[in-house]
Structure formats: C-alpha cells, structure tokens
C-alpha cells in the first residue's frame, strides 16, 4: 500500500516561503507520543534527510510518522488568532482542542 500525504495549495505556498533560499532546508513533520490524546504533531526544520525519511518536495517525514498519518491532508490556516499548519488525519479517532494532539 502506497504511503501518501496530500498538501493544500496554502500549505505548499507556506512551505516554499519558509524554505526559500536554502536548497538543503526541509520542513519536517513528525508524529510523537504524548499530548492530550496519545500522539501529537510536531513541525520543524532540518538541513538533511535521514535514511528512514520520505521526501515530499521540500517536506520530509520519517516512515513511522508517515504510517500514522498516511492519507492525511496538510493545510495552512490563517485565522484571527494566528497562523498554523493543520493536519486533517482520517485515521484520527479523537483529538483535543489544540488540534495538535490525536489518537488513532
């Protein structure tokens, strides 16, 4: 089964904007244990990819994290309270109010 991650145009534009000017700069998505609901999304930057990473243009995610969020849509929201990346994960059975913590 193919591991897939989808990106909205808003997310792609923001990732391009924050990684521009550095060919080796990646936007990294990671799923970590913890948070209110069991797992939490983590967003950061990396200058290199690892052997267990999957690369989506300028975004990298490790295979274990991708297994958990495969089929998800990565979006970037601009709201009155701020701007943030959001992952719409169809495998999530529960999430908390912050939107970063979930369970599968």
N, C-alpha and C. Protein backbone atom coordinates (compact mmCIF):
# COMPACT_ATOMS: atom_id res chain seq x y z
N UNK A 1 0.83 -1.18 0.00
CA UNK A 1 0.00 0.00 0.00
C UNK A 1 0.88 1.25 0.00
N UNK A 2 0.61 2.15 -0.90
CA UNK A 2 1.40 3.38 -1.02
C UNK A 2 1.11 4.32 0.13
N UNK A 3 2.16 4.88 0.69
CA UNK A 3 2.02 5.88 1.75
C UNK A 3 1.87 7.23 1.09
N UNK A 4 0.79 7.91 1.40
CA UNK A 4 0.51 9.16 0.72
C UNK A 4 0.20 10.26 1.72
N UNK A 5 0.64 11.45 1.37
CA UNK A 5 0.36 12.64 2.14
C UNK A 5 -0.01 13.72 1.14
N UNK A 6 -1.11 14.40 1.37
CA UNK A 6 -1.58 15.43 0.46
C UNK A 6 -1.38 16.81 1.08
N UNK A 7 -1.15 17.80 0.24
CA UNK A 7 -0.92 19.17 0.68
C UNK A 7 -1.87 20.10 -0.04
N UNK A 8 -2.47 21.04 0.71
CA UNK A 8 -3.29 22.07 0.07
C UNK A 8 -2.34 23.08 -0.58
N UNK A 9 -2.88 23.88 -1.48
CA UNK A 9 -2.07 24.94 -2.10
C UNK A 9 -1.53 25.90 -1.06
N UNK A 10 -2.33 26.22 -0.04
CA UNK A 10 -1.90 27.13 1.02
C UNK A 10 -0.69 26.56 1.76
N UNK A 11 -0.71 25.25 2.06
CA UNK A 11 0.41 24.62 2.75
C UNK A 11 1.66 24.62 1.87
N UNK A 12 1.50 24.27 0.59
CA UNK A 12 2.65 24.25 -0.32
C UNK A 12 3.28 25.63 -0.46
N UNK A 13 2.44 26.67 -0.55
CA UNK A 13 2.95 28.04 -0.66
C UNK A 13 3.71 28.45 0.59
N UNK A 14 3.19 28.10 1.76
CA UNK A 14 3.85 28.47 3.01
C UNK A 14 5.16 27.71 3.19
N UNK A 15 5.18 26.43 2.85
CA UNK A 15 6.41 25.64 2.95
C UNK A 15 7.47 26.21 2.02
N UNK A 16 7.07 26.55 0.81
CA UNK A 16 8.01 27.16 -0.14
C UNK A 16 8.54 28.48 0.42
N UNK A 17 7.65 29.27 0.98
CA UNK A 17 8.03 30.59 1.52
C UNK A 17 9.05 30.45 2.66
N UNK A 18 8.85 29.48 3.55
CA UNK A 18 9.74 29.37 4.71
C UNK A 18 11.01 28.58 4.44
N UNK A 19 11.08 27.91 3.29
CA UNK A 19 12.31 27.18 2.95
C UNK A 19 13.07 27.81 1.79
N UNK A 20 12.58 28.93 1.27
CA UNK A 20 13.20 29.56 0.11
C UNK A 20 14.62 30.03 0.44
N UNK A 21 15.49 29.95 -0.55
CA UNK A 21 16.85 30.45 -0.40
C UNK A 21 17.83 29.47 0.19
N UNK A 22 17.38 28.26 0.49
CA UNK A 22 18.27 27.27 1.06
C UNK A 22 17.90 25.90 0.49
N UNK A 23 18.67 25.41 -0.46
CA UNK A 23 18.35 24.15 -1.13
C UNK A 23 18.34 22.95 -0.19
N UNK A 24 19.01 23.03 0.94
CA UNK A 24 19.08 21.89 1.84
C UNK A 24 18.17 22.05 3.05
N UNK A 25 17.30 23.02 3.04
CA UNK A 25 16.41 23.24 4.16
C UNK A 25 15.07 22.57 3.90
N UNK A 26 14.67 21.71 4.82
CA UNK A 26 13.42 20.98 4.70
C UNK A 26 12.46 21.37 5.81
N UNK A 27 11.18 21.29 5.53
CA UNK A 27 10.14 21.38 6.54
C UNK A 27 9.90 19.95 7.00
N UNK A 28 10.03 19.69 8.31
CA UNK A 28 9.89 18.33 8.83
C UNK A 28 8.59 18.19 9.62
N UNK A 29 7.86 17.11 9.31
CA UNK A 29 6.67 16.74 10.07
C UNK A 29 6.99 15.46 10.81
N UNK A 30 6.68 15.44 12.09
CA UNK A 30 6.92 14.27 12.92
C UNK A 30 5.69 14.00 13.78
N UNK A 31 5.40 12.73 14.02
CA UNK A 31 4.37 12.35 14.97
C UNK A 31 5.09 11.78 16.18
N UNK A 32 4.77 12.32 17.35
CA UNK A 32 5.42 11.90 18.59
C UNK A 32 4.37 11.39 19.56
N UNK A 33 4.79 10.50 20.44
CA UNK A 33 3.91 10.07 21.51
C UNK A 33 3.74 11.20 22.50
N UNK A 34 2.55 11.33 23.06
CA UNK A 34 2.30 12.38 24.04
C UNK A 34 1.10 13.21 23.67
N UNK A 35 0.97 14.32 24.32
CA UNK A 35 -0.19 15.18 24.07
C UNK A 35 -1.40 14.67 24.83
N UNK A 36 -2.47 15.38 24.75
CA UNK A 36 -3.70 15.06 25.49
C UNK A 36 -4.33 13.74 25.03
N UNK A 37 -4.15 13.41 23.76
CA UNK A 37 -4.88 12.28 23.18
C UNK A 37 -4.00 11.10 22.78
N UNK A 38 -2.71 11.12 23.04
CA UNK A 38 -1.86 9.98 22.75
C UNK A 38 -0.73 10.25 21.78
N UNK A 39 -1.01 11.00 20.72
CA UNK A 39 0.00 11.40 19.75
C UNK A 39 -0.08 12.90 19.54
N UNK A 40 1.01 13.48 19.08
CA UNK A 40 0.97 14.90 18.73
C UNK A 40 1.82 15.16 17.51
N UNK A 41 1.39 16.14 16.73
CA UNK A 41 2.13 16.55 15.54
C UNK A 41 3.23 17.51 15.96
N UNK A 42 4.37 17.39 15.31
CA UNK A 42 5.47 18.31 15.55
C UNK A 42 5.96 18.81 14.20
N UNK A 43 6.16 20.12 14.11
CA UNK A 43 6.64 20.74 12.88
C UNK A 43 7.97 21.42 13.16
N UNK A 44 8.92 21.27 12.25
CA UNK A 44 10.21 21.90 12.43
C UNK A 44 10.96 21.97 11.11
N UNK A 45 12.26 22.17 11.22
CA UNK A 45 13.12 22.29 10.05
C UNK A 45 14.28 21.34 10.18
N UNK A 46 14.84 20.94 9.05
CA UNK A 46 16.01 20.08 9.04
C UNK A 46 16.85 20.43 7.83
N UNK A 47 18.15 20.26 7.94
CA UNK A 47 19.03 20.56 6.82
C UNK A 47 19.37 19.31 6.03
N UNK A 48 18.97 18.14 6.55
CA UNK A 48 19.26 16.89 5.83
C UNK A 48 18.13 15.89 6.06
N UNK A 49 18.08 14.91 5.18
CA UNK A 49 17.11 13.84 5.37
C UNK A 49 17.85 12.61 5.88
N UNK A 50 17.12 11.76 6.58
CA UNK A 50 17.68 10.52 7.11
C UNK A 50 17.27 9.35 6.23
N UNK A 51 17.88 8.20 6.43
CA UNK A 51 17.59 7.04 5.59
C UNK A 51 16.16 6.56 5.71
N UNK A 52 15.49 6.83 6.85
CA UNK A 52 14.11 6.39 7.02
C UNK A 52 13.09 7.49 6.70
N UNK A 53 13.53 8.55 6.03
CA UNK A 53 12.64 9.65 5.67
C UNK A 53 12.05 9.47 4.28
N UNK A 54 10.84 9.98 4.14
CA UNK A 54 10.19 10.06 2.83
C UNK A 54 10.13 11.56 2.51
N UNK A 55 10.50 11.91 1.29
CA UNK A 55 10.56 13.32 0.89
C UNK A 55 9.40 13.64 -0.03
N UNK A 56 8.67 14.69 0.32
CA UNK A 56 7.60 15.26 -0.50
C UNK A 56 8.05 16.66 -0.86
N UNK A 57 8.74 16.83 -1.96
CA UNK A 57 9.26 18.12 -2.40
C UNK A 57 10.16 18.70 -1.33
N UNK A 58 9.74 19.74 -0.60
CA UNK A 58 10.55 20.37 0.45
C UNK A 58 10.14 19.93 1.85
N UNK A 59 9.30 18.90 1.95
CA UNK A 59 8.84 18.38 3.24
C UNK A 59 9.37 16.97 3.43
N UNK A 60 9.84 16.67 4.65
CA UNK A 60 10.29 15.32 4.96
C UNK A 60 9.54 14.80 6.18
N UNK A 61 9.31 13.50 6.17
CA UNK A 61 8.64 12.83 7.28
C UNK A 61 9.21 11.43 7.40
N UNK A 62 9.46 11.00 8.62
CA UNK A 62 10.01 9.65 8.80
C UNK A 62 8.92 8.62 8.53
N UNK A 63 9.34 7.41 8.16
CA UNK A 63 8.40 6.37 7.74
C UNK A 63 7.43 5.98 8.84
N UNK A 64 7.87 5.99 10.09
CA UNK A 64 6.98 5.63 11.20
C UNK A 64 5.87 6.67 11.35
N UNK A 65 6.23 7.95 11.29
CA UNK A 65 5.22 9.01 11.37
C UNK A 65 4.28 8.96 10.18
N UNK A 66 4.83 8.70 9.01
CA UNK A 66 4.00 8.64 7.80
C UNK A 66 2.98 7.50 7.89
N UNK A 67 3.37 6.39 8.49
CA UNK A 67 2.45 5.27 8.67
C UNK A 67 1.20 5.71 9.44
N UNK A 68 1.40 6.58 10.43
CA UNK A 68 0.29 7.03 11.28
C UNK A 68 -0.59 8.06 10.57
N UNK A 69 0.02 8.90 9.72
CA UNK A 69 -0.77 9.97 9.09
C UNK A 69 -0.95 9.79 7.59
N UNK A 70 -0.62 8.63 7.07
CA UNK A 70 -0.81 8.37 5.64
C UNK A 70 -2.27 8.60 5.26
N UNK A 71 -2.48 9.31 4.17
CA UNK A 71 -3.83 9.64 3.71
C UNK A 71 -4.32 10.99 4.22
N UNK A 72 -3.50 11.65 5.03
CA UNK A 72 -3.89 12.94 5.60
C UNK A 72 -3.67 14.08 4.62
N UNK A 73 -4.29 15.22 4.95
CA UNK A 73 -4.11 16.45 4.19
C UNK A 73 -3.43 17.47 5.10
N UNK A 74 -2.30 18.01 4.63
CA UNK A 74 -1.59 19.06 5.36
C UNK A 74 -2.10 20.40 4.82
N UNK A 75 -2.56 21.25 5.72
CA UNK A 75 -3.11 22.55 5.35
C UNK A 75 -2.41 23.64 6.16
N UNK A 76 -2.53 24.87 5.69
CA UNK A 76 -2.01 26.02 6.42
C UNK A 76 -3.15 27.00 6.58
N UNK A 77 -3.50 27.31 7.83
CA UNK A 77 -4.65 28.17 8.13
C UNK A 77 -4.18 29.52 8.65
N UNK A 78 -4.81 30.56 8.13
CA UNK A 78 -4.61 31.92 8.65
C UNK A 78 -5.92 32.34 9.29
N UNK A 79 -5.89 32.53 10.60
CA UNK A 79 -7.08 32.93 11.34
C UNK A 79 -6.76 34.12 12.21
N UNK A 80 -7.76 34.71 12.81
CA UNK A 80 -7.56 35.88 13.66
C UNK A 80 -6.62 35.58 14.83
N UNK A 81 -6.65 34.35 15.33
CA UNK A 81 -5.82 34.01 16.48
C UNK A 81 -4.40 33.62 16.10
N UNK A 82 -4.12 33.52 14.81
CA UNK A 82 -2.78 33.19 14.36
C UNK A 82 -2.77 32.32 13.12
N UNK A 83 -1.57 31.94 12.73
CA UNK A 83 -1.36 31.09 11.57
C UNK A 83 -0.74 29.78 12.03
N UNK A 84 -1.12 28.67 11.38
CA UNK A 84 -0.53 27.40 11.77
C UNK A 84 -0.78 26.34 10.69
N UNK A 85 0.08 25.33 10.72
CA UNK A 85 -0.13 24.16 9.89
C UNK A 85 -1.12 23.26 10.62
N UNK A 86 -2.01 22.63 9.85
CA UNK A 86 -3.04 21.75 10.39
C UNK A 86 -3.00 20.46 9.57
N UNK A 87 -3.12 19.34 10.25
CA UNK A 87 -3.19 18.06 9.55
C UNK A 87 -4.57 17.47 9.75
N UNK A 88 -5.26 17.22 8.66
CA UNK A 88 -6.58 16.57 8.68
C UNK A 88 -6.34 15.08 8.45
N UNK A 89 -6.35 14.33 9.54
CA UNK A 89 -5.99 12.92 9.53
C UNK A 89 -7.25 12.06 9.59
N UNK A 90 -7.56 11.33 8.51
CA UNK A 90 -8.77 10.49 8.52
C UNK A 90 -8.66 9.30 9.48
N UNK A 91 -7.44 8.98 9.93
CA UNK A 91 -7.26 7.87 10.87
C UNK A 91 -7.47 8.30 12.32
N UNK A 92 -7.49 9.60 12.57
CA UNK A 92 -7.65 10.10 13.94
C UNK A 92 -9.07 9.81 14.44
N UNK A 93 -9.16 9.12 15.56
CA UNK A 93 -10.46 8.80 16.14
C UNK A 93 -10.87 9.79 17.21
N UNK A 94 -9.90 10.56 17.69
CA UNK A 94 -10.16 11.54 18.73
C UNK A 94 -9.09 12.61 18.66
N UNK A 95 -9.44 13.84 18.97
CA UNK A 95 -8.44 14.91 19.03
C UNK A 95 -8.82 15.87 20.13
N UNK A 96 -7.85 16.68 20.55
CA UNK A 96 -8.14 17.63 21.61
C UNK A 96 -8.35 19.01 21.01
N UNK A 97 -8.67 19.96 21.82
CA UNK A 97 -8.99 21.31 21.36
C UNK A 97 -7.87 22.03 20.67
N UNK A 98 -6.62 21.69 21.00
CA UNK A 98 -5.50 22.41 20.38
C UNK A 98 -5.30 22.03 18.92
N UNK A 99 -5.82 20.87 18.51
CA UNK A 99 -5.68 20.42 17.13
C UNK A 99 -4.36 19.75 16.82
N UNK A 100 -3.45 19.70 17.78
CA UNK A 100 -2.14 19.07 17.55
C UNK A 100 -2.06 17.67 18.16
N UNK A 101 -3.00 17.31 19.02
CA UNK A 101 -2.96 16.03 19.69
C UNK A 101 -4.13 15.17 19.19
N UNK A 102 -3.85 13.86 19.01
CA UNK A 102 -4.88 12.99 18.46
C UNK A 102 -4.63 11.54 18.88
N UNK A 103 -5.60 10.69 18.65
CA UNK A 103 -5.43 9.25 18.85
C UNK A 103 -5.92 8.53 17.60
N UNK A 104 -5.40 7.32 17.39
CA UNK A 104 -5.80 6.51 16.24
C UNK A 104 -6.33 5.18 16.70
